[in-house]
Protein backbone atom coordinates (compact mmCIF):
# COMPACT_ATOMS: atom_id res chain seq x y z
CA MET A 1 9.42 6.54 -6.46
CA ARG A 2 12.26 4.29 -5.27
CA ASN A 3 14.83 6.99 -4.61
CA ALA A 4 13.26 8.47 -1.50
CA ALA A 5 10.51 7.34 0.82
CA GLU A 6 7.11 8.94 0.32
CA ILE A 7 3.77 9.06 2.10
CA ALA A 8 0.56 7.71 0.61
CA VAL A 9 -2.36 9.13 2.56
CA ALA A 10 -5.21 6.63 2.96
CA LEU A 11 -8.52 8.23 1.97
CA ASP A 12 -10.65 5.96 4.13
CA VAL A 13 -13.78 8.10 3.98
CA ASP A 14 -17.27 7.63 2.53
CA THR A 15 -17.73 10.52 0.09
CA LEU A 16 -15.87 12.43 -2.59
CA PRO A 17 -16.40 15.78 -0.87
CA GLU A 18 -14.77 14.40 2.29
CA ALA A 19 -11.90 12.97 0.26
CA PHE A 20 -11.18 16.12 -1.68
CA ASP A 21 -11.53 18.33 1.35
CA LEU A 22 -8.70 16.28 2.87
CA VAL A 23 -6.60 16.46 -0.31
CA ARG A 24 -6.89 20.23 -0.47
CA ARG A 25 -6.31 20.70 3.26
CA ILE A 26 -3.16 18.58 3.13
CA GLY A 27 -1.89 20.52 0.15
CA PRO A 28 1.14 19.98 -2.09
CA SER A 29 3.40 18.21 0.40
CA VAL A 30 1.76 14.84 -0.34
CA THR A 31 1.65 13.39 -3.86
CA TRP A 32 0.38 9.86 -3.27
CA TYR A 33 -3.11 8.91 -2.12
CA LYS A 34 -4.49 5.45 -1.40
CA VAL A 35 -8.02 4.73 -2.55
CA GLY A 36 -9.42 1.63 -0.89
CA LYS A 37 -12.61 -0.38 -0.82
CA GLN A 38 -14.60 2.09 1.29
CA LEU A 39 -14.33 5.06 -1.06
CA PHE A 40 -14.11 3.10 -4.31
CA THR A 41 -17.23 1.05 -3.54
CA GLN A 42 -19.18 4.29 -3.04
CA HIS A 43 -17.82 6.29 -5.98
CA GLY A 44 -15.81 4.02 -8.27
CA PRO A 45 -13.45 5.22 -11.00
CA GLU A 46 -14.49 8.85 -10.57
CA THR A 47 -12.43 8.89 -7.37
CA VAL A 48 -9.26 8.02 -9.29
CA ARG A 49 -10.00 10.43 -12.11
CA MET A 50 -10.59 13.36 -9.75
CA LEU A 51 -7.33 12.68 -7.89
CA LYS A 52 -5.46 12.57 -11.19
CA ALA A 53 -7.08 15.87 -12.17
CA GLU A 54 -5.57 17.29 -8.94
CA GLY A 55 -2.12 16.15 -10.09
CA LYS A 56 -1.92 13.31 -7.57
CA LYS A 57 -0.68 9.73 -7.88
CA VAL A 58 -3.11 6.99 -6.99
CA PHE A 59 -2.53 3.69 -5.22
CA LEU A 60 -5.71 1.72 -5.93
CA ASP A 61 -5.86 -0.62 -2.96
CA LEU A 62 -8.51 -3.20 -3.87
CA LYS A 63 -6.42 -6.34 -3.15
CA TYR A 64 -7.60 -8.44 -6.09
CA HIS A 65 -7.83 -12.16 -5.29
CA ASP A 66 -9.53 -14.31 -7.90
CA ILE A 67 -8.78 -16.65 -10.80
CA PRO A 68 -5.81 -15.52 -12.95
CA ASN A 69 -7.79 -14.18 -15.92
CA THR A 70 -10.12 -12.14 -13.71
CA VAL A 71 -7.23 -10.60 -11.79
CA GLY A 72 -5.30 -9.83 -14.98
CA GLN A 73 -8.33 -8.02 -16.40
CA ALA A 74 -8.82 -6.14 -13.12
CA VAL A 75 -5.23 -4.87 -13.26
CA ARG A 76 -5.83 -3.72 -16.84
CA ALA A 77 -8.98 -1.93 -15.71
CA ALA A 78 -7.06 -0.19 -12.90
CA ALA A 79 -4.55 1.06 -15.45
CA ALA A 80 -7.33 2.21 -17.78
CA ILE A 81 -8.91 4.48 -15.16
CA GLY A 82 -5.57 6.10 -14.42
CA ALA A 83 -4.27 4.38 -11.27
CA ASP A 84 -0.49 4.47 -10.90
CA LEU A 85 -0.21 1.50 -8.54
CA THR A 86 -2.52 -1.38 -7.63
CA ASN A 87 -2.32 -4.60 -5.66
CA VAL A 88 -3.38 -8.22 -5.50
CA HIS A 89 -3.29 -10.84 -2.73
CA ALA A 90 -0.12 -12.94 -2.99
CA PHE A 91 -2.06 -15.88 -1.56
CA GLY A 92 -3.79 -16.14 -4.95
CA GLY A 93 -0.79 -18.18 -6.10
CA PRO A 94 1.85 -18.19 -8.86
CA GLU A 95 -0.50 -18.26 -11.87
CA MET A 96 -2.60 -15.39 -10.56
CA LEU A 97 0.53 -13.35 -9.74
CA ALA A 98 1.94 -14.00 -13.21
CA ALA A 99 -1.32 -12.85 -14.81
CA ALA A 100 -1.22 -9.64 -12.77
CA ALA A 101 2.43 -9.05 -13.64
CA LYS A 102 1.75 -9.57 -17.35
CA ALA A 103 -1.15 -7.11 -17.30
CA ALA A 104 0.96 -4.56 -15.43
CA THR A 105 3.83 -4.87 -17.92
CA GLU A 106 1.51 -4.44 -20.88
CA THR A 107 -0.33 -1.41 -19.47
CA GLY A 108 2.42 0.42 -17.58
CA ILE A 109 0.79 0.33 -14.15
CA LYS A 110 2.84 -0.87 -11.20
CA ALA A 111 1.44 -3.93 -9.47
CA ILE A 112 2.38 -5.25 -6.05
CA ALA A 113 1.19 -8.12 -3.87
CA VAL A 114 -0.17 -8.06 -0.34
CA THR A 115 1.63 -10.62 1.83
CA VAL A 116 0.30 -10.64 5.41
CA LEU A 117 -2.10 -7.94 6.56
CA THR A 118 -0.71 -5.71 9.31
CA SER A 119 -3.78 -6.54 11.39
CA MET A 120 -2.62 -10.17 11.57
CA ASP A 121 -0.21 -11.79 13.99
CA ALA A 122 0.87 -15.41 14.49
CA ALA A 123 -2.39 -16.32 16.23
CA GLN A 124 -4.46 -14.89 13.36
CA LEU A 125 -2.37 -16.80 10.80
CA GLN A 126 -2.75 -20.03 12.74
CA ALA A 127 -6.51 -19.53 12.84
CA VAL A 128 -6.59 -19.70 9.03
CA GLY A 129 -4.27 -22.70 8.84
CA VAL A 130 -0.91 -21.03 8.34
CA ASN A 131 1.57 -22.53 10.79
CA ALA A 132 4.29 -19.94 10.27
CA THR A 133 5.30 -16.68 11.84
CA PRO A 134 4.26 -13.52 10.02
CA ALA A 135 7.87 -12.99 8.88
CA GLU A 136 8.13 -16.53 7.50
CA GLN A 137 4.85 -16.19 5.63
CA VAL A 138 5.77 -12.76 4.26
CA LEU A 139 9.06 -14.14 2.92
CA ARG A 140 7.35 -17.16 1.35
CA LEU A 141 4.80 -14.99 -0.45
CA ALA A 142 7.35 -12.34 -1.39
CA ARG A 143 9.44 -14.97 -3.15
CA LEU A 144 6.39 -16.03 -5.18
CA THR A 145 5.72 -12.39 -6.00
CA LYS A 146 9.29 -11.71 -7.14
CA THR A 147 9.40 -14.85 -9.27
CA ALA A 148 6.14 -13.88 -10.95
CA GLY A 149 7.66 -10.54 -12.04
CA MET A 150 5.65 -8.20 -9.84
CA HIS A 151 7.09 -4.81 -8.85
CA GLY A 152 7.06 -5.42 -5.09
CA ILE A 153 4.93 -6.17 -2.08
CA VAL A 154 2.89 -4.77 0.75
CA CYS A 155 4.38 -5.81 4.08
CA SER A 156 4.58 -4.53 7.62
CA ALA A 157 7.51 -2.41 8.68
CA LEU A 158 8.78 -5.29 10.82
CA GLU A 159 9.62 -7.29 7.67
CA ILE A 160 11.41 -4.52 5.75
CA GLY A 161 14.91 -5.57 6.82
CA LEU A 162 14.22 -9.19 5.90
CA MET A 163 12.95 -8.13 2.49
CA ARG A 164 15.93 -5.90 1.78
CA GLY A 165 18.30 -8.69 2.76
CA GLU A 166 16.54 -11.12 0.44
CA PHE A 167 15.75 -8.92 -2.57
CA GLY A 168 18.03 -5.88 -2.38
CA ARG A 169 16.99 -2.31 -3.09
CA ASP A 170 15.20 -2.81 -6.40
CA PHE A 171 11.95 -4.18 -4.95
CA LEU A 172 9.14 -1.84 -4.07
CA LEU A 173 8.05 -2.01 -0.42
CA VAL A 174 4.73 -0.38 0.41
CA VAL A 175 4.27 -0.32 4.17
CA PRO A 176 1.02 0.26 6.09
CA GLY A 177 0.80 0.12 9.88
CA ILE A 178 2.81 3.31 10.27
CA ARG A 179 2.16 5.19 13.49
CA PRO A 180 4.00 8.27 14.76
CA ALA A 181 5.48 7.82 18.23
CA GLY A 182 2.78 7.99 20.89
CA SER A 183 -0.19 7.61 18.53
CA ASP A 184 -2.97 5.01 18.82
CA LYS A 185 -2.29 1.71 17.03
CA GLY A 186 -5.98 1.22 16.25
CA ASP A 187 -6.52 -2.27 14.78
CA GLN A 188 -2.93 -2.62 13.63
CA LYS A 189 -0.69 -5.21 15.31
CA ARG A 190 2.67 -4.92 13.49
CA VAL A 191 3.55 -1.22 13.50
CA MET A 192 6.55 1.13 13.35
CA THR A 193 7.23 4.85 13.41
CA PRO A 194 7.78 6.69 10.09
CA ARG A 195 11.42 7.43 10.88
CA ASP A 196 12.25 3.83 11.73
CA ALA A 197 10.42 2.52 8.64
CA VAL A 198 12.44 4.83 6.39
CA ARG A 199 15.67 3.79 8.07
CA ALA A 200 14.76 0.16 7.48
CA GLY A 201 14.22 0.80 3.75
CA ALA A 202 10.53 1.42 3.06
CA ASN A 203 9.57 3.11 -0.22
CA ILE A 204 5.98 4.22 0.41
CA LEU A 205 4.48 4.60 3.88
CA VAL A 206 0.69 4.25 3.90
CA ILE A 207 -0.69 6.52 6.62
CA GLY A 208 -4.32 7.19 7.33
CA ARG A 209 -5.76 8.19 10.68
CA PRO A 210 -2.66 9.97 12.09
CA ILE A 211 -3.08 12.46 9.19
CA THR A 212 -6.74 12.32 8.16
CA GLY A 213 -7.98 12.33 11.77
CA ALA A 214 -5.76 15.22 12.84
CA ALA A 215 -7.19 18.66 13.59
CA ASP A 216 -4.69 20.05 11.07
CA PRO A 217 -3.95 17.37 8.44
CA ALA A 218 -1.40 19.54 6.63
CA LYS A 219 0.64 20.00 9.82
CA ALA A 220 0.35 16.32 10.67
CA ALA A 221 1.66 15.36 7.21
CA ALA A 222 4.44 17.95 7.41
CA ASP A 223 5.52 16.71 10.83
CA ILE A 224 5.67 13.13 9.61
CA LEU A 225 7.63 14.11 6.49
CA ALA A 226 10.09 16.07 8.64
CA ASP A 227 10.50 13.03 10.91
CA MET A 228 11.17 10.83 7.88
CA ARG A 229 13.79 13.23 6.48
CA ASN A 230 15.62 13.41 9.77
């Protein structure tokens, strides 16, 4: 997973038939799929199990943020239903991160921490009492995550270079907010093209609407992969 950048397609739809129609239309070029709150709340673990039955890898994106024991047990549950990767909110603090890391080590799942959502900018951070730039806050939380023994973080593409300079290559960077050149940013504020994110050092690019909203999702995914490999 860390040798070459990959795409994780975000299955932000309501039903399993919609999700698996997309998976089959996209075809074998994409291995990773992100299952978030929208689909998981509707259909639960069956979503993960069906993706695994299709030979796919699953990033279970539920962003756990609770007391340490609860988060540790949630990570164990994610591993038990077959997820390959899951995440927590780094803002939960050192003890919570350590509990997540311990559960991941004991079950074999990879666990990463969300730093600053890509929908947030400096004004949004200040509104919740964080008087730092997004980059400063990402670095602060990434250091907590690394110290706790987690596998990596979720960050915007704009912080990739900073993360690589601080932590080197052996730290998993999962990057949402990826938009092909000329596409709509939607509600994302800190974005980058796939090619530039790969150049900067991203491991997994989370991409939703530019693929799932395309008339031909397979072609959209293939075009993005070709751009990344160039």
